[in-house]
Amino acid sequence: MTHPPPSSPGEDPGTLVIKDRGWVSLREFAKIANVTYMTARRWAILEIIKATPVGGQFRVYEDEIRHFLQFGTRRPNPEKHAVWTAKRKEYSARSIPGKRKGQTNAEP
């Protein structure tokens, strides 16, 4: 089994992975896109990026990475976006008004 040569100092390490397999994991895509994993996952669910679920994980193929780097994200799928927005509104309605994460009820 041969391993790819180590990347040169000026070469992006993600490039070797793409050349070898033709795809990257969603976590690797998040690093390339300079976003958090959860943002990349939300983009995949809303079809803002084309990611293929394989064995419980998302794969982002080379063509989609090129498209993203050239044009940015796609428009979200309207149906999935509506469901996502409704869930967020429902969650916001259930939260305690005026209380944010990390705050306590004690007065300073």
C-alpha atoms as a PDB file:
ATOM      1  CA  MET A   1       0.000   0.000   0.000  1.00  0.00           C
ATOM      2  CA  THR A   2       1.487   3.320  -1.012  1.00  0.00           C
ATOM      3  CA  HIS A   3       0.818   6.508   0.858  1.00  0.00           C
ATOM      4  CA  PRO A   4       0.690   9.960  -0.714  1.00  0.00           C
ATOM      5  CA  PRO A   5       3.812  12.058  -0.288  1.00  0.00           C
ATOM      6  CA  PRO A   6       3.677  14.648   2.486  1.00  0.00           C
ATOM      7  CA  SER A   7       2.430  18.009   1.358  1.00  0.00           C
ATOM      8  CA  SER A   8       4.924  20.732   0.653  1.00  0.00           C
ATOM      9  CA  PRO A   9       4.894  23.771   2.981  1.00  0.00           C
ATOM     10  CA  GLY A  10       2.853  25.948   0.589  1.00  0.00           C
ATOM     11  CA  GLU A  11       0.336  23.279  -0.431  1.00  0.00           C
ATOM     12  CA  ASP A  12      -3.113  22.997   1.115  1.00  0.00           C
ATOM     13  CA  PRO A  13      -3.298  19.655   2.981  1.00  0.00           C
ATOM     14  CA  GLY A  14      -6.934  19.175   1.914  1.00  0.00           C
ATOM     15  CA  THR A  15      -5.861  19.089  -1.729  1.00  0.00           C
ATOM     16  CA  LEU A  16      -4.063  15.751  -1.379  1.00  0.00           C
ATOM     17  CA  VAL A  17      -7.131  14.154   0.181  1.00  0.00           C
ATOM     18  CA  ILE A  18      -9.350  15.364  -2.656  1.00  0.00           C
ATOM     19  CA  LYS A  19      -6.893  14.157  -5.319  1.00  0.00           C
ATOM     20  CA  ASP A  20      -6.731  10.671  -3.791  1.00  0.00           C
ATOM     21  CA  ARG A  21     -10.424  10.027  -3.147  1.00  0.00           C
ATOM     22  CA  GLY A  22     -12.360  12.631  -5.122  1.00  0.00           C
ATOM     23  CA  TRP A  23     -14.354  13.577  -2.006  1.00  0.00           C
ATOM     24  CA  VAL A  24     -13.923  14.873   1.542  1.00  0.00           C
ATOM     25  CA  SER A  25     -15.882  14.361   4.728  1.00  0.00           C
ATOM     26  CA  LEU A  26     -18.194  17.119   5.886  1.00  0.00           C
ATOM     27  CA  ARG A  27     -15.741  17.920   8.691  1.00  0.00           C
ATOM     28  CA  GLU A  28     -12.919  18.347   6.152  1.00  0.00           C
ATOM     29  CA  PHE A  29     -15.208  20.489   3.974  1.00  0.00           C
ATOM     30  CA  ALA A  30     -15.935  22.721   6.984  1.00  0.00           C
ATOM     31  CA  LYS A  31     -12.201  23.344   7.344  1.00  0.00           C
ATOM     32  CA  ILE A  32     -11.856  24.154   3.632  1.00  0.00           C
ATOM     33  CA  ALA A  33     -14.888  26.485   3.791  1.00  0.00           C
ATOM     34  CA  ASN A  34     -13.646  28.040   7.058  1.00  0.00           C
ATOM     35  CA  VAL A  35     -16.965  27.412   8.835  1.00  0.00           C
ATOM     36  CA  THR A  36     -17.932  25.313  11.832  1.00  0.00           C
ATOM     37  CA  TYR A  37     -18.924  21.688  11.386  1.00  0.00           C
ATOM     38  CA  MET A  38     -22.489  22.490  12.496  1.00  0.00           C
ATOM     39  CA  THR A  39     -22.790  25.195   9.811  1.00  0.00           C
ATOM     40  CA  ALA A  40     -21.574  22.763   7.149  1.00  0.00           C
ATOM     41  CA  ARG A  41     -24.030  20.151   8.438  1.00  0.00           C
ATOM     42  CA  ARG A  42     -26.910  22.644   8.296  1.00  0.00           C
ATOM     43  CA  TRP A  43     -25.883  23.573   4.731  1.00  0.00           C
ATOM     44  CA  ALA A  44     -25.928  19.877   3.782  1.00  0.00           C
ATOM     45  CA  ILE A  45     -29.358  19.298   5.350  1.00  0.00           C
ATOM     46  CA  LEU A  46     -30.838  22.382   3.667  1.00  0.00           C
ATOM     47  CA  GLU A  47     -29.103  21.426   0.385  1.00  0.00           C
ATOM     48  CA  ILE A  48     -27.170  24.698   0.349  1.00  0.00           C
ATOM     49  CA  ILE A  49     -24.222  22.495  -0.586  1.00  0.00           C
ATOM     50  CA  LYS A  50     -24.524  19.148  -2.329  1.00  0.00           C
ATOM     51  CA  ALA A  51     -23.453  16.490   0.131  1.00  0.00           C
ATOM     52  CA  THR A  52     -24.152  12.796  -0.243  1.00  0.00           C
ATOM     53  CA  PRO A  53     -25.013  10.763   2.862  1.00  0.00           C
ATOM     54  CA  VAL A  54     -22.949   7.562   2.943  1.00  0.00           C
ATOM     55  CA  GLY A  55     -23.006   5.253   5.946  1.00  0.00           C
ATOM     56  CA  GLY A  56     -24.330   7.898   8.328  1.00  0.00           C
ATOM     57  CA  GLN A  57     -21.828  10.549   7.212  1.00  0.00           C
ATOM     58  CA  PHE A  58     -21.907  13.213   4.526  1.00  0.00           C
ATOM     59  CA  ARG A  59     -19.426  13.258   1.655  1.00  0.00           C
ATOM     60  CA  VAL A  60     -18.747  16.381  -0.368  1.00  0.00           C
ATOM     61  CA  TYR A  61     -17.390  15.625  -3.825  1.00  0.00           C
ATOM     62  CA  GLU A  62     -14.672  17.505  -5.671  1.00  0.00           C
ATOM     63  CA  ASP A  63     -17.069  19.153  -8.153  1.00  0.00           C
ATOM     64  CA  GLU A  64     -19.107  20.640  -5.309  1.00  0.00           C
ATOM     65  CA  ILE A  65     -15.973  21.925  -3.583  1.00  0.00           C
ATOM     66  CA  ARG A  66     -14.893  23.628  -6.812  1.00  0.00           C
ATOM     67  CA  HIS A  67     -18.390  25.129  -7.201  1.00  0.00           C
ATOM     68  CA  PHE A  68     -18.352  26.367  -3.610  1.00  0.00           C
ATOM     69  CA  LEU A  69     -14.891  27.934  -3.939  1.00  0.00           C
ATOM     70  CA  GLN A  70     -15.870  29.645  -7.196  1.00  0.00           C
ATOM     71  CA  PHE A  71     -19.475  30.729  -6.529  1.00  0.00           C
ATOM     72  CA  GLY A  72     -20.153  30.258  -2.814  1.00  0.00           C
ATOM     73  CA  THR A  73     -23.228  28.506  -1.456  1.00  0.00           C
ATOM     74  CA  ARG A  74     -26.382  27.604  -3.373  1.00  0.00           C
ATOM     75  CA  ARG A  75     -29.894  28.763  -2.499  1.00  0.00           C
ATOM     76  CA  PRO A  76     -31.492  26.523   0.139  1.00  0.00           C
ATOM     77  CA  ASN A  77     -34.205  24.043  -0.781  1.00  0.00           C
ATOM     78  CA  PRO A  78     -37.384  26.088  -0.038  1.00  0.00           C
ATOM     79  CA  GLU A  79     -39.299  23.177   1.523  1.00  0.00           C
ATOM     80  CA  LYS A  80     -36.468  22.129   3.828  1.00  0.00           C
ATOM     81  CA  HIS A  81     -35.730  25.766   4.676  1.00  0.00           C
ATOM     82  CA  ALA A  82     -39.383  26.295   5.706  1.00  0.00           C
ATOM     83  CA  VAL A  83     -39.255  23.244   8.010  1.00  0.00           C
ATOM     84  CA  TRP A  84     -35.943  24.398   9.518  1.00  0.00           C
ATOM     85  CA  THR A  85     -37.308  27.917  10.098  1.00  0.00           C
ATOM     86  CA  ALA A  86     -40.485  26.554  11.714  1.00  0.00           C
ATOM     87  CA  LYS A  87     -38.432  24.405  14.092  1.00  0.00           C
ATOM     88  CA  ARG A  88     -36.329  27.413  15.088  1.00  0.00           C
ATOM     89  CA  LYS A  89     -39.457  29.514  15.747  1.00  0.00           C
ATOM     90  CA  GLU A  90     -40.962  26.707  17.822  1.00  0.00           C
ATOM     91  CA  TYR A  91     -37.760  26.406  19.848  1.00  0.00           C
ATOM     92  CA  SER A  92     -37.637  30.170  20.400  1.00  0.00           C
ATOM     93  CA  ALA A  93     -41.270  30.184  21.575  1.00  0.00           C
ATOM     94  CA  ARG A  94     -40.505  27.487  24.170  1.00  0.00           C
ATOM     95  CA  SER A  95     -37.446  29.250  25.603  1.00  0.00           C
ATOM     96  CA  ILE A  96     -37.679  31.401  28.709  1.00  0.00           C
ATOM     97  CA  PRO A  97     -37.974  35.088  27.748  1.00  0.00           C
ATOM     98  CA  GLY A  98     -35.026  37.187  28.836  1.00  0.00           C
ATOM     99  CA  LYS A  99     -32.876  34.232  29.831  1.00  0.00           C
ATOM    100  CA  ARG A 100     -29.829  33.422  27.782  1.00  0.00           C
ATOM    101  CA  LYS A 101     -27.396  30.532  27.929  1.00  0.00           C
ATOM    102  CA  GLY A 102     -25.005  30.909  30.834  1.00  0.00           C
ATOM    103  CA  GLN A 103     -27.154  33.394  32.781  1.00  0.00           C
ATOM    104  CA  THR A 104     -28.451  32.625  36.240  1.00  0.00           C
ATOM    105  CA  ASN A 105     -31.500  33.918  38.055  1.00  0.00           C
ATOM    106  CA  ALA A 106     -29.358  35.561  40.757  1.00  0.00           C
ATOM    107  CA  GLU A 107     -29.097  39.353  40.723  1.00  0.00           C
ATOM    108  CA  PRO A 108     -25.563  40.837  40.660  1.00  0.00           C
END
